C-alpha atoms as a PDB file:
ATOM      1  CA  PRO A   1     -18.542   3.207  -6.732  1.00  0.00           C
ATOM      2  CA  SER A   2     -16.108   4.279  -4.000  1.00  0.00           C
ATOM      3  CA  PHE A   3     -13.024   4.298  -6.252  1.00  0.00           C
ATOM      4  CA  PRO A   4     -11.094   6.556  -6.508  1.00  0.00           C
ATOM      5  CA  GLN A   5     -12.659   8.400  -3.565  1.00  0.00           C
ATOM      6  CA  ALA A   6     -11.550   5.778  -1.018  1.00  0.00           C
ATOM      7  CA  VAL A   7      -7.924   6.267  -2.055  1.00  0.00           C
ATOM      8  CA  ILE A   8      -8.317  10.047  -2.057  1.00  0.00           C
ATOM      9  CA  ASP A   9      -9.705   9.872   1.490  1.00  0.00           C
ATOM     10  CA  VAL A  10      -6.752   7.960   2.921  1.00  0.00           C
ATOM     11  CA  LYS A  11      -4.337  10.172   0.988  1.00  0.00           C
ATOM     12  CA  ASN A  12      -5.936  13.183   2.659  1.00  0.00           C
ATOM     13  CA  VAL A  13      -5.450  11.566   6.073  1.00  0.00           C
ATOM     14  CA  VAL A  14      -1.716  11.333   5.364  1.00  0.00           C
ATOM     15  CA  ARG A  15      -1.752  14.920   4.145  1.00  0.00           C
ATOM     16  CA  TRP A  16      -3.520  16.077   7.304  1.00  0.00           C
ATOM     17  CA  VAL A  17      -1.062  14.260   9.592  1.00  0.00           C
ATOM     18  CA  ASN A  18       1.934  15.737   7.753  1.00  0.00           C
ATOM     19  CA  ALA A  19       0.470  19.246   7.488  1.00  0.00           C
ATOM     20  CA  ALA A  20      -1.419  19.734  10.765  1.00  0.00           C
ATOM     21  CA  GLY A  21      -0.128  16.979  13.016  1.00  0.00           C
ATOM     22  CA  PRO A  22       3.191  18.502  14.173  1.00  0.00           C
ATOM     23  CA  ALA A  23       1.906  21.945  15.151  1.00  0.00           C
ATOM     24  CA  ARG A  24      -1.509  20.991  16.542  1.00  0.00           C
ATOM     25  CA  TYR A  25      -0.940  17.606  18.119  1.00  0.00           C
ATOM     26  CA  GLY A  26       2.788  17.042  18.372  1.00  0.00           C
ATOM     27  CA  LEU A  27       2.725  14.274  15.761  1.00  0.00           C
ATOM     28  CA  HIS A  28       6.192  13.895  14.268  1.00  0.00           C
ATOM     29  CA  GLY A  29       8.017  11.326  12.244  1.00  0.00           C
ATOM     30  CA  PRO A  30       7.131   9.065   9.346  1.00  0.00           C
ATOM     31  CA  VAL A  31       3.679   7.678   8.637  1.00  0.00           C
ATOM     32  CA  SER A  32       3.121   3.961   8.102  1.00  0.00           C
ATOM     33  CA  ALA A  33      -0.064   2.603   6.544  1.00  0.00           C
ATOM     34  CA  THR A  34      -1.532  -0.596   7.977  1.00  0.00           C
ATOM     35  CA  GLY A  35      -4.730  -2.328   6.962  1.00  0.00           C
ATOM     36  CA  ALA A  36      -6.539  -5.643   6.695  1.00  0.00           C
ATOM     37  CA  SER A  37      -8.482  -6.941   3.672  1.00  0.00           C
ATOM     38  CA  ALA A  38      -9.930  -3.866   1.900  1.00  0.00           C
ATOM     39  CA  GLY A  39      -7.836  -1.788   4.311  1.00  0.00           C
ATOM     40  CA  GLY A  40      -4.758  -3.714   3.214  1.00  0.00           C
ATOM     41  CA  HIS A  41      -5.555  -2.788  -0.368  1.00  0.00           C
ATOM     42  CA  LEU A  42      -5.749   0.880   0.605  1.00  0.00           C
ATOM     43  CA  ALA A  43      -2.481   0.642   2.568  1.00  0.00           C
ATOM     44  CA  MET A  44      -0.766  -0.728  -0.533  1.00  0.00           C
ATOM     45  CA  MET A  45      -2.346   1.959  -2.707  1.00  0.00           C
ATOM     46  CA  LEU A  46      -0.946   4.610  -0.352  1.00  0.00           C
ATOM     47  CA  ALA A  47       2.497   3.058  -0.671  1.00  0.00           C
ATOM     48  CA  THR A  48       2.502   2.748  -4.467  1.00  0.00           C
ATOM     49  CA  THR A  49       0.772   5.840  -5.878  1.00  0.00           C
ATOM     50  CA  ALA A  50       2.868   8.801  -4.713  1.00  0.00           C
ATOM     51  CA  GLY A  51       2.589  11.606  -7.245  1.00  0.00           C
ATOM     52  CA  ASP A  52      -0.616  10.304  -8.865  1.00  0.00           C
ATOM     53  CA  ALA A  53      -2.694  13.436  -9.436  1.00  0.00           C
ATOM     54  CA  GLU A  54      -5.971  11.501  -9.575  1.00  0.00           C
ATOM     55  CA  PHE A  55      -5.557  10.577  -5.905  1.00  0.00           C
ATOM     56  CA  GLU A  56      -3.649  13.629  -4.624  1.00  0.00           C
ATOM     57  CA  ILE A  57      -6.120  16.369  -5.377  1.00  0.00           C
ATOM     58  CA  LEU A  58      -4.868  18.906  -2.794  1.00  0.00           C
ATOM     59  CA  ASP A  59      -1.495  20.648  -2.643  1.00  0.00           C
ATOM     60  CA  PRO A  60       1.108  18.218  -1.300  1.00  0.00           C
ATOM     61  CA  PRO A  61       2.241  18.639   2.300  1.00  0.00           C
ATOM     62  CA  THR A  62       5.877  18.876   3.342  1.00  0.00           C
ATOM     63  CA  GLY A  63       7.375  15.490   2.586  1.00  0.00           C
ATOM     64  CA  GLY A  64       4.664  14.645   0.095  1.00  0.00           C
ATOM     65  CA  TYR A  65       1.875  12.098   0.357  1.00  0.00           C
ATOM     66  CA  ARG A  66       4.100   9.028   0.368  1.00  0.00           C
ATOM     67  CA  VAL A  67       4.012   6.783   3.432  1.00  0.00           C
ATOM     68  CA  ALA A  68       7.286   5.465   4.840  1.00  0.00           C
ATOM     69  CA  ALA A  69       6.163   1.828   4.919  1.00  0.00           C
ATOM     70  CA  PHE A  70       3.064  -0.334   4.719  1.00  0.00           C
ATOM     71  CA  VAL A  71       1.674  -3.443   6.368  1.00  0.00           C
ATOM     72  CA  ASP A  72      -0.831  -5.397   4.320  1.00  0.00           C
ATOM     73  CA  MET A  73      -2.921  -8.093   5.963  1.00  0.00           C
ATOM     74  CA  TRP A  74      -4.661 -10.242   3.332  1.00  0.00           C
ATOM     75  CA  GLY A  75      -5.491  -7.369   0.985  1.00  0.00           C
ATOM     76  CA  PRO A  76      -5.928  -7.768  -2.781  1.00  0.00           C
ATOM     77  CA  SER A  77      -3.038  -6.500  -4.889  1.00  0.00           C
ATOM     78  CA  ASP A  78      -4.212  -7.381  -8.415  1.00  0.00           C
ATOM     79  CA  LEU A  79      -7.901  -6.910  -9.182  1.00  0.00           C
ATOM     80  CA  VAL A  80      -7.397  -7.900 -12.819  1.00  0.00           C
ATOM     81  CA  TRP A  81      -5.890 -11.256 -11.848  1.00  0.00           C
ATOM     82  CA  GLN A  82      -8.678 -11.827  -9.335  1.00  0.00           C
ATOM     83  CA  ILE A  83     -11.370 -11.501 -12.007  1.00  0.00           C
ATOM     84  CA  ASP A  84      -9.417 -13.288 -14.748  1.00  0.00           C
ATOM     85  CA  THR A  85      -8.756 -16.230 -12.411  1.00  0.00           C
ATOM     86  CA  TYR A  86     -11.961 -16.511 -10.390  1.00  0.00           C
ATOM     87  CA  GLY A  87     -14.549 -14.732 -12.501  1.00  0.00           C
ATOM     88  CA  ARG A  88     -17.080 -12.028 -11.673  1.00  0.00           C
ATOM     89  CA  HIS A  89     -16.706 -10.507  -8.197  1.00  0.00           C
ATOM     90  CA  PRO A  90     -19.673  -8.393  -6.949  1.00  0.00           C
ATOM     91  CA  THR A  91     -17.641  -6.551  -4.298  1.00  0.00           C
ATOM     92  CA  ILE A  92     -14.971  -5.443  -6.767  1.00  0.00           C
ATOM     93  CA  ILE A  93     -17.621  -4.390  -9.280  1.00  0.00           C
ATOM     94  CA  GLN A  94     -19.332  -2.361  -6.550  1.00  0.00           C
ATOM     95  CA  PHE A  95     -15.973  -0.766  -5.633  1.00  0.00           C
ATOM     96  CA  LEU A  96     -15.089   0.201  -9.213  1.00  0.00           C
ATOM     97  CA  GLY A  97     -18.589   0.683 -10.602  1.00  0.00           C
ATOM     98  CA  GLU A  98     -18.165  -1.498 -13.693  1.00  0.00           C
ATOM     99  CA  PRO A  99     -17.304  -5.116 -14.511  1.00  0.00           C
ATOM    100  CA  LEU A 100     -13.926  -5.971 -15.989  1.00  0.00           C
ATOM    101  CA  GLY A 101     -13.805  -5.795 -19.790  1.00  0.00           C
ATOM    102  CA  ASP A 102     -11.587  -4.539 -22.556  1.00  0.00           C
ATOM    103  CA  ASP A 103     -12.820  -0.996 -22.000  1.00  0.00           C
ATOM    104  CA  THR A 104     -12.387  -1.080 -18.197  1.00  0.00           C
ATOM    105  CA  ARG A 105      -9.121  -3.030 -17.879  1.00  0.00           C
ATOM    106  CA  ALA A 106      -7.147   0.203 -17.415  1.00  0.00           C
ATOM    107  CA  LEU A 107      -9.483   1.153 -14.541  1.00  0.00           C
ATOM    108  CA  TYR A 108      -8.887  -2.186 -12.832  1.00  0.00           C
ATOM    109  CA  GLU A 109      -5.129  -1.865 -13.319  1.00  0.00           C
ATOM    110  CA  HIS A 110      -5.143   1.657 -11.884  1.00  0.00           C
ATOM    111  CA  ALA A 111      -6.937   0.329  -8.792  1.00  0.00           C
ATOM    112  CA  SER A 112      -4.428  -2.519  -8.328  1.00  0.00           C
ATOM    113  CA  PRO A 113      -1.315  -1.819  -6.200  1.00  0.00           C
ATOM    114  CA  LEU A 114       0.681  -4.423  -8.129  1.00  0.00           C
ATOM    115  CA  TYR A 115       0.389  -2.360 -11.296  1.00  0.00           C
ATOM    116  CA  GLN A 116       1.461   0.840  -9.521  1.00  0.00           C
ATOM    117  CA  LEU A 117       4.743  -0.438  -8.071  1.00  0.00           C
ATOM    118  CA  ASN A 118       7.965   1.311  -9.064  1.00  0.00           C
ATOM    119  CA  ALA A 119      11.529   1.214  -7.768  1.00  0.00           C
ATOM    120  CA  CYS A 120      10.997   4.355  -5.649  1.00  0.00           C
ATOM    121  CA  ASP A 121       8.328   2.744  -3.469  1.00  0.00           C
ATOM    122  CA  ARG A 122       8.884   2.076   0.221  1.00  0.00           C
ATOM    123  CA  PRO A 123       9.197  -1.254   2.065  1.00  0.00           C
ATOM    124  CA  GLY A 124       6.253  -3.343   3.143  1.00  0.00           C
ATOM    125  CA  ALA A 125       5.233  -6.353   5.213  1.00  0.00           C
ATOM    126  CA  LEU A 126       2.602  -8.744   3.919  1.00  0.00           C
ATOM    127  CA  PHE A 127       0.625 -11.300   5.949  1.00  0.00           C
ATOM    128  CA  GLN A 128      -1.555 -13.929   4.303  1.00  0.00           C
ATOM    129  CA  CYS A 129      -3.094 -17.361   4.875  1.00  0.00           C
ATOM    130  CA  GLU A 130      -2.661 -19.986   2.182  1.00  0.00           C
ATOM    131  CA  GLY A 131      -6.219 -21.177   2.780  1.00  0.00           C
ATOM    132  CA  ASP A 132      -7.835 -17.776   2.209  1.00  0.00           C
ATOM    133  CA  THR A 133     -10.546 -18.122  -0.444  1.00  0.00           C
ATOM    134  CA  THR A 134     -11.807 -14.524  -0.185  1.00  0.00           C
ATOM    135  CA  VAL A 135      -8.461 -12.948  -1.110  1.00  0.00           C
ATOM    136  CA  PRO A 136      -6.326 -15.870  -2.336  1.00  0.00           C
ATOM    137  CA  TYR A 137      -2.729 -15.926  -1.140  1.00  0.00           C
ATOM    138  CA  PRO A 138      -1.155 -15.327  -4.610  1.00  0.00           C
ATOM    139  CA  HIS A 139      -2.099 -11.656  -4.168  1.00  0.00           C
ATOM    140  CA  ALA A 140       0.560 -11.363  -1.447  1.00  0.00           C
ATOM    141  CA  VAL A 141       3.057 -13.577  -3.268  1.00  0.00           C
ATOM    142  CA  MET A 142       2.800 -11.588  -6.503  1.00  0.00           C
ATOM    143  CA  MET A 143       3.212  -8.310  -4.616  1.00  0.00           C
ATOM    144  CA  ALA A 144       6.264  -9.613  -2.763  1.00  0.00           C
ATOM    145  CA  ASP A 145       7.814 -11.020  -5.947  1.00  0.00           C
ATOM    146  CA  GLU A 146       7.362  -7.759  -7.833  1.00  0.00           C
ATOM    147  CA  MET A 147       8.828  -5.771  -4.944  1.00  0.00           C
ATOM    148  CA  ASN A 148      11.827  -8.101  -4.940  1.00  0.00           C
ATOM    149  CA  ALA A 149      12.241  -7.668  -8.684  1.00  0.00           C
ATOM    150  CA  LEU A 150      12.306  -3.877  -8.233  1.00  0.00           C
ATOM    151  CA  GLY A 151      14.731  -4.027  -5.309  1.00  0.00           C
ATOM    152  CA  ILE A 152      12.173  -2.938  -2.704  1.00  0.00           C
ATOM    153  CA  TYR A 153      12.546  -4.465   0.738  1.00  0.00           C
ATOM    154  CA  GLN A 154       9.614  -6.688   1.695  1.00  0.00           C
ATOM    155  CA  ASP A 155       8.757  -9.276   4.310  1.00  0.00           C
ATOM    156  CA  LEU A 156       6.142 -11.883   3.387  1.00  0.00           C
ATOM    157  CA  THR A 157       4.581 -14.105   6.057  1.00  0.00           C
ATOM    158  CA  LEU A 158       2.463 -16.982   4.724  1.00  0.00           C
ATOM    159  CA  ARG A 159       0.440 -19.025   7.201  1.00  0.00           C
ATOM    160  CA  PRO A 160      -0.516 -22.594   6.196  1.00  0.00           C
ATOM    161  CA  GLY A 161      -4.242 -23.260   6.014  1.00  0.00           C
ATOM    162  CA  GLY A 162      -6.475 -20.732   7.693  1.00  0.00           C
ATOM    163  CA  GLY A 163      -8.903 -18.404   5.981  1.00  0.00           C
ATOM    164  CA  HIS A 164      -9.733 -14.728   5.622  1.00  0.00           C
ATOM    165  CA  GLY A 165      -9.534 -12.305   8.519  1.00  0.00           C
ATOM    166  CA  PHE A 166      -7.978 -12.188  11.976  1.00  0.00           C
ATOM    167  CA  GLY A 167      -9.421 -15.511  13.160  1.00  0.00           C
ATOM    168  CA  PRO A 168      -6.674 -17.799  11.822  1.00  0.00           C
ATOM    169  CA  TRP A 169      -4.087 -15.577  13.525  1.00  0.00           C
ATOM    170  CA  GLY A 170      -5.796 -15.812  16.920  1.00  0.00           C
ATOM    171  CA  GLY A 171      -7.646 -12.488  16.773  1.00  0.00           C
ATOM    172  CA  THR A 172      -6.604  -8.850  16.616  1.00  0.00           C
ATOM    173  CA  GLY A 173      -4.492  -8.991  19.787  1.00  0.00           C
ATOM    174  CA  PRO A 174      -2.236 -11.881  18.749  1.00  0.00           C
ATOM    175  CA  MET A 175      -2.039 -10.447  15.224  1.00  0.00           C
ATOM    176  CA  ALA A 176      -0.569  -7.249  16.654  1.00  0.00           C
ATOM    177  CA  GLU A 177       2.437  -9.200  17.928  1.00  0.00           C
ATOM    178  CA  PRO A 178       4.052  -9.709  14.485  1.00  0.00           C
ATOM    179  CA  VAL A 179       2.645  -6.484  13.004  1.00  0.00           C
ATOM    180  CA  ALA A 180       3.870  -4.018  15.653  1.00  0.00           C
ATOM    181  CA  PRO A 181       7.612  -4.766  15.288  1.00  0.00           C
ATOM    182  CA  ALA A 182       7.302  -4.867  11.498  1.00  0.00           C
ATOM    183  CA  ILE A 183       6.381  -1.186  11.337  1.00  0.00           C
ATOM    184  CA  PRO A 184       9.561   0.368  12.810  1.00  0.00           C
ATOM    185  CA  ALA A 185      11.710  -2.286  11.124  1.00  0.00           C
ATOM    186  CA  HIS A 186      10.414  -1.240   7.732  1.00  0.00           C
ATOM    187  CA  ILE A 187      10.424   2.489   8.455  1.00  0.00           C
ATOM    188  CA  GLU A 188      14.072   2.261   9.499  1.00  0.00           C
ATOM    189  CA  HIS A 189      15.073   0.437   6.334  1.00  0.00           C
ATOM    190  CA  PRO A 190      17.364   2.527   4.097  1.00  0.00           C
ATOM    191  CA  PRO A 191      15.264   5.072   2.175  1.00  0.00           C
ATOM    192  CA  SER A 192      14.514   4.812  -1.507  1.00  0.00           C
ATOM    193  CA  PRO A 193      16.120   7.311  -3.922  1.00  0.00           C
ATOM    194  CA  ASP A 194      12.821   9.239  -3.919  1.00  0.00           C
ATOM    195  CA  PHE A 195      13.900  11.438  -1.026  1.00  0.00           C
ATOM    196  CA  HIS A 196      10.959  13.846  -1.265  1.00  0.00           C
ATOM    197  CA  GLY A 197       8.308  11.153  -1.616  1.00  0.00           C
ATOM    198  CA  SER A 198       7.087  12.767  -4.803  1.00  0.00           C
ATOM    199  CA  GLY A 199       7.190   9.750  -7.093  1.00  0.00           C
ATOM    200  CA  PRO A 200       9.917   9.976  -9.746  1.00  0.00           C
ATOM    201  CA  VAL A 201      13.524  10.560  -8.714  1.00  0.00           C
ATOM    202  CA  ARG A 202      14.386  14.125  -9.644  1.00  0.00           C
ATOM    203  CA  THR A 203      17.426  16.393  -9.337  1.00  0.00           C
ATOM    204  CA  ARG A 204      16.060  17.907  -6.123  1.00  0.00           C
ATOM    205  CA  ASP A 205      15.885  14.425  -4.616  1.00  0.00           C
ATOM    206  CA  VAL A 206      19.589  13.883  -5.292  1.00  0.00           C
ATOM    207  CA  LEU A 207      20.553  17.295  -3.902  1.00  0.00           C
ATOM    208  CA  ALA A 208      18.419  16.806  -0.781  1.00  0.00           C
ATOM    209  CA  PHE A 209      19.841  13.336  -0.216  1.00  0.00           C
ATOM    210  CA  ARG A 210      23.419  14.664  -0.482  1.00  0.00           C
ATOM    211  CA  THR A 211      22.646  17.462   1.971  1.00  0.00           C
ATOM    212  CA  ALA A 212      21.057  15.092   4.493  1.00  0.00           C
ATOM    213  CA  SER A 213      23.968  12.651   4.239  1.00  0.00           C
ATOM    214  CA  ARG A 214      26.623  15.203   5.236  1.00  0.00           C
END
């Protein structure tokens, strides 16, 4: 199984950019996570698991591991719902190493971005086709609804018909047209109370936010 290692790997990319990027390569500013299908799942996991020690195994960089925004293109948000609704799924079992059951439900929940959401999480854009049978569109709808319920800014784009992948959107080039402007729009959205990107809102977050607002 590649979970949780896949999440750890992308977390370490964010850590590397924040820690080594400015001095070595002149990389400055916030990091946004963008991915399609399984990559969309990982982008959402990056955006919803700040402070989770299972995924953040190295010392946190300045600013933490949290990304400033995410763009999900047809990625699964709820692996439990997927199995409960559509039955056994070989790819998900391969990813997690075990089928869903009473003794593994917590594992499936931990690997599902929908279950990780909290009010400190950052904004996100979601793109999905209603005709997708590989990752059915309710994954995006449920994620958007839960973000709304928590007061997190989100932008859901549902395309009638279509299927899974870039094809229904005209390919990777045409897909970049709605994705590219979504990234700065979400990064520039007012920040969450979690100023340090550490997960829970703590006293140091409030003090840092007051200092930055002066």
